[in-house]
N, C-alpha and C. Protein backbone atom coordinates (compact mmCIF):
# COMPACT_ATOMS: atom_id res chain seq x y z
N MET A 1 152.40 43.88 259.22
CA MET A 1 152.34 43.69 260.43
C MET A 1 152.31 44.46 261.62
N LEU A 2 153.20 45.11 261.11
CA LEU A 2 153.78 45.97 262.61
C LEU A 2 152.91 46.86 262.82
N ILE A 3 152.21 47.77 261.64
CA ILE A 3 151.14 48.60 262.11
C ILE A 3 150.28 48.33 262.91
N LEU A 4 149.50 46.95 262.77
CA LEU A 4 148.39 46.15 263.62
C LEU A 4 148.83 46.08 264.93
N PHE A 5 150.29 45.29 264.88
CA PHE A 5 150.91 45.50 266.26
C PHE A 5 151.14 46.53 267.36
N VAL A 6 151.57 47.57 266.58
CA VAL A 6 151.74 49.14 267.34
C VAL A 6 149.93 49.35 267.69
N LYS A 7 149.33 49.02 266.81
CA LYS A 7 147.74 50.05 267.31
C LYS A 7 147.05 48.84 268.00
N LYS A 8 147.16 47.90 267.93
CA LYS A 8 146.39 46.67 268.84
C LYS A 8 146.99 45.96 269.88
N GLY A 9 148.35 45.87 269.96
CA GLY A 9 149.11 45.54 270.90
C GLY A 9 149.40 43.69 271.06
N TRP A 10 149.30 43.06 269.78
CA TRP A 10 149.38 41.63 268.75
C TRP A 10 150.19 41.96 267.44
N SER A 11 150.60 40.56 267.50
CA SER A 11 150.73 40.89 265.50
C SER A 11 149.87 39.09 265.74
N LEU A 12 150.15 39.12 263.88
CA LEU A 12 149.60 37.56 263.29
C LEU A 12 150.57 37.29 262.09
N ASP A 13 150.69 36.28 262.22
CA ASP A 13 151.16 35.09 261.51
C ASP A 13 149.75 34.06 260.58
N ASP A 14 149.05 34.85 259.51
CA ASP A 14 148.24 34.48 259.14
C ASP A 14 148.82 33.47 257.89
N GLU A 15 149.52 32.26 258.38
CA GLU A 15 149.91 31.13 257.61
C GLU A 15 151.02 31.63 256.81
N GLU A 16 151.65 32.62 256.97
CA GLU A 16 153.14 33.43 256.12
C GLU A 16 153.93 32.47 256.41
N HIS A 17 154.15 32.49 257.53
CA HIS A 17 155.49 31.45 257.80
C HIS A 17 155.92 29.65 257.00
N GLU A 18 154.54 29.44 257.74
CA GLU A 18 154.04 27.69 256.80
C GLU A 18 152.84 27.78 256.96
N PRO A 19 152.40 27.03 255.32
CA PRO A 19 151.00 26.97 255.42
C PRO A 19 150.24 26.02 256.46
N GLY A 20 149.33 26.31 256.93
CA GLY A 20 148.36 25.60 257.99
C GLY A 20 148.66 25.98 259.38
N ILE A 21 149.55 26.99 259.72
CA ILE A 21 149.77 27.20 260.92
C ILE A 21 149.75 28.90 260.91
N ARG A 22 148.83 29.27 261.94
CA ARG A 22 148.62 30.56 262.69
C ARG A 22 149.41 31.08 263.58
N CYS A 23 150.20 32.33 263.93
CA CYS A 23 150.67 32.54 265.46
C CYS A 23 149.85 33.91 265.20
N ILE A 24 149.88 34.62 266.79
CA ILE A 24 149.60 35.41 267.72
C ILE A 24 150.56 35.93 268.66
N ALA A 25 151.02 37.22 268.51
CA ALA A 25 152.21 37.35 269.58
C ALA A 25 151.96 38.85 269.94
N SER A 26 152.95 39.05 271.42
CA SER A 26 152.15 39.95 272.11
C SER A 26 154.16 40.25 272.68
N PRO A 27 154.50 41.63 272.81
CA PRO A 27 155.64 42.06 272.77
C PRO A 27 155.69 41.84 274.79
N VAL A 28 156.78 41.53 274.78
CA VAL A 28 157.54 41.73 276.50
C VAL A 28 158.14 43.30 276.48
N ARG A 29 158.00 43.89 277.74
CA ARG A 29 158.87 45.21 277.89
C ARG A 29 159.80 45.07 279.01
N ASP A 30 161.25 45.45 279.07
CA ASP A 30 161.70 45.69 280.53
C ASP A 30 161.13 46.79 280.90
N TYR A 31 162.01 47.46 282.07
CA TYR A 31 161.38 48.35 282.99
C TYR A 31 161.70 49.78 281.84
N THR A 32 162.28 49.78 281.01
CA THR A 32 162.70 51.28 280.03
C THR A 32 161.51 51.67 278.92
N GLY A 33 161.36 49.95 278.95
CA GLY A 33 159.49 50.31 277.85
C GLY A 33 160.44 49.25 276.56
N LYS A 34 161.92 48.84 276.37
CA LYS A 34 162.13 47.90 275.00
C LYS A 34 161.86 46.92 275.46
N ILE A 35 161.04 46.63 273.92
CA ILE A 35 160.67 45.64 273.90
C ILE A 35 161.86 44.28 273.66
N ILE A 36 161.94 43.07 274.69
CA ILE A 36 163.10 42.43 275.03
C ILE A 36 163.02 40.61 274.80
N ALA A 37 161.35 40.43 274.07
CA ALA A 37 160.87 39.14 273.74
C ALA A 37 159.30 38.95 273.68
N ALA A 38 158.70 38.18 273.30
CA ALA A 38 157.46 38.12 272.80
C ALA A 38 156.86 37.24 273.84
N VAL A 39 155.50 37.30 273.53
CA VAL A 39 154.96 35.60 274.00
C VAL A 39 153.99 35.55 272.37
N SER A 40 153.94 34.03 272.72
CA SER A 40 153.26 33.83 271.42
C SER A 40 152.37 32.54 271.41
N VAL A 41 151.75 32.29 270.76
CA VAL A 41 150.73 31.07 270.44
C VAL A 41 150.41 30.78 269.20
N SER A 42 150.98 29.24 268.64
CA SER A 42 151.13 28.97 267.30
C SER A 42 150.34 28.04 267.29
N GLY A 43 149.73 27.54 266.01
CA GLY A 43 149.18 26.26 266.06
C GLY A 43 148.15 26.39 264.78
N ASP A 44 147.34 24.96 264.39
CA ASP A 44 147.12 24.66 263.28
C ASP A 44 146.10 25.48 263.19
N CYS A 45 145.40 26.17 261.62
CA CYS A 45 144.57 27.31 261.43
C CYS A 45 143.06 27.10 261.76
N ARG A 46 142.64 25.65 261.68
CA ARG A 46 141.30 25.20 262.32
C ARG A 46 141.22 25.81 263.75
N ILE A 47 142.19 25.32 264.44
CA ILE A 47 142.28 25.73 265.86
C ILE A 47 142.79 27.38 266.12
N ILE A 48 143.69 27.49 265.57
CA ILE A 48 143.95 29.33 265.78
C ILE A 48 142.98 30.07 264.66
N ALA A 49 141.62 29.71 264.63
CA ALA A 49 140.66 29.86 263.48
C ALA A 49 140.86 31.55 263.44
N PRO A 50 140.33 32.65 262.55
CA PRO A 50 140.48 33.73 262.42
C PRO A 50 138.92 34.07 263.48
N GLU A 51 138.54 33.21 263.58
CA GLU A 51 137.12 34.07 264.13
C GLU A 51 137.55 33.83 265.70
N ARG A 52 138.69 33.40 266.05
CA ARG A 52 138.83 33.34 267.42
C ARG A 52 140.40 34.33 268.05
N ASP A 53 140.61 35.07 266.35
CA ASP A 53 141.88 36.15 266.80
C ASP A 53 141.90 36.92 268.02
N SER A 54 140.49 37.84 267.99
CA SER A 54 140.56 38.63 269.25
C SER A 54 140.55 38.20 270.67
N GLU A 55 139.75 37.02 271.03
CA GLU A 55 139.56 35.69 271.97
C GLU A 55 141.48 35.86 272.47
N ILE A 56 141.85 34.68 271.58
CA ILE A 56 143.37 34.36 271.23
C ILE A 56 144.30 35.55 272.06
N ALA A 57 143.93 37.24 271.18
CA ALA A 57 144.58 37.95 271.86
C ALA A 57 144.83 38.36 272.94
N VAL A 58 143.40 38.59 273.36
CA VAL A 58 142.80 39.11 274.67
C VAL A 58 143.93 38.23 275.93
N SER A 59 144.33 37.14 275.68
CA SER A 59 144.98 35.86 277.03
C SER A 59 146.34 35.85 276.61
N VAL A 60 147.19 36.14 275.44
CA VAL A 60 148.38 36.38 274.63
C VAL A 60 148.82 37.78 275.34
N MET A 61 148.42 39.24 275.01
CA MET A 61 148.41 40.31 275.86
C MET A 61 148.16 40.51 277.31
N ASN A 62 147.75 39.53 277.70
CA ASN A 62 147.53 40.09 279.31
C ASN A 62 148.72 38.82 280.15
N THR A 63 149.32 37.92 279.10
CA THR A 63 149.84 37.10 279.64
C THR A 63 151.61 37.63 279.17
N ALA A 64 151.62 38.39 278.42
CA ALA A 64 152.70 39.52 278.20
C ALA A 64 152.76 40.40 279.39
N ASN A 65 151.81 40.90 279.22
CA ASN A 65 151.30 42.05 280.09
C ASN A 65 152.11 41.86 281.91
N ILE A 66 151.80 40.54 282.01
CA ILE A 66 151.85 40.56 283.31
C ILE A 66 153.58 39.59 283.69
N ILE A 67 154.20 39.51 282.33
CA ILE A 67 155.23 39.40 282.11
C ILE A 67 156.12 40.63 282.04
N SER A 68 155.81 41.43 281.15
CA SER A 68 156.25 43.03 281.66
C SER A 68 156.22 43.72 282.87
N LYS A 69 155.55 43.36 283.49
CA LYS A 69 155.16 44.22 285.02
C LYS A 69 156.22 42.93 285.53
N ARG A 70 156.24 42.16 285.69
CA ARG A 70 157.82 41.27 286.39
C ARG A 70 159.09 41.82 286.23
N MET A 71 159.20 42.57 284.45
CA MET A 71 160.51 42.58 284.29
C MET A 71 160.47 44.51 284.87
N GLY A 72 159.39 45.04 285.58
CA GLY A 72 159.78 46.10 285.50
C GLY A 72 158.68 47.27 284.94
N PHE A 73 158.46 46.61 283.88
CA PHE A 73 157.39 47.62 283.13
C PHE A 73 156.01 48.40 283.76
N PHE A 74 155.93 49.44 283.48
CA PHE A 74 154.69 50.15 284.45
C PHE A 74 154.21 51.06 283.24
N ALA A 75 153.05 50.35 282.15
CA ALA A 75 152.64 51.75 281.00
C ALA A 75 152.29 52.96 281.80
N GLU A 76 152.33 54.04 281.60
CA GLU A 76 151.68 55.42 282.13
C GLU A 76 149.82 55.64 281.84
């Protein structure tokens, strides 16, 4: 999943940790660009369904980016 995370800006737990539960996460960075936390959403695989991955990932990334900016991170 690390390669997906770097290329897309988000990562997916597709029932690997717990059967029936999916999770989408995005990093929160500090002013140096270091990842210090993550924002994620998780839930039943019928709600966090594969066909909604892109839609949910955009919301999660937007939220992580807002927090990162408040932590002093600004992308080049």
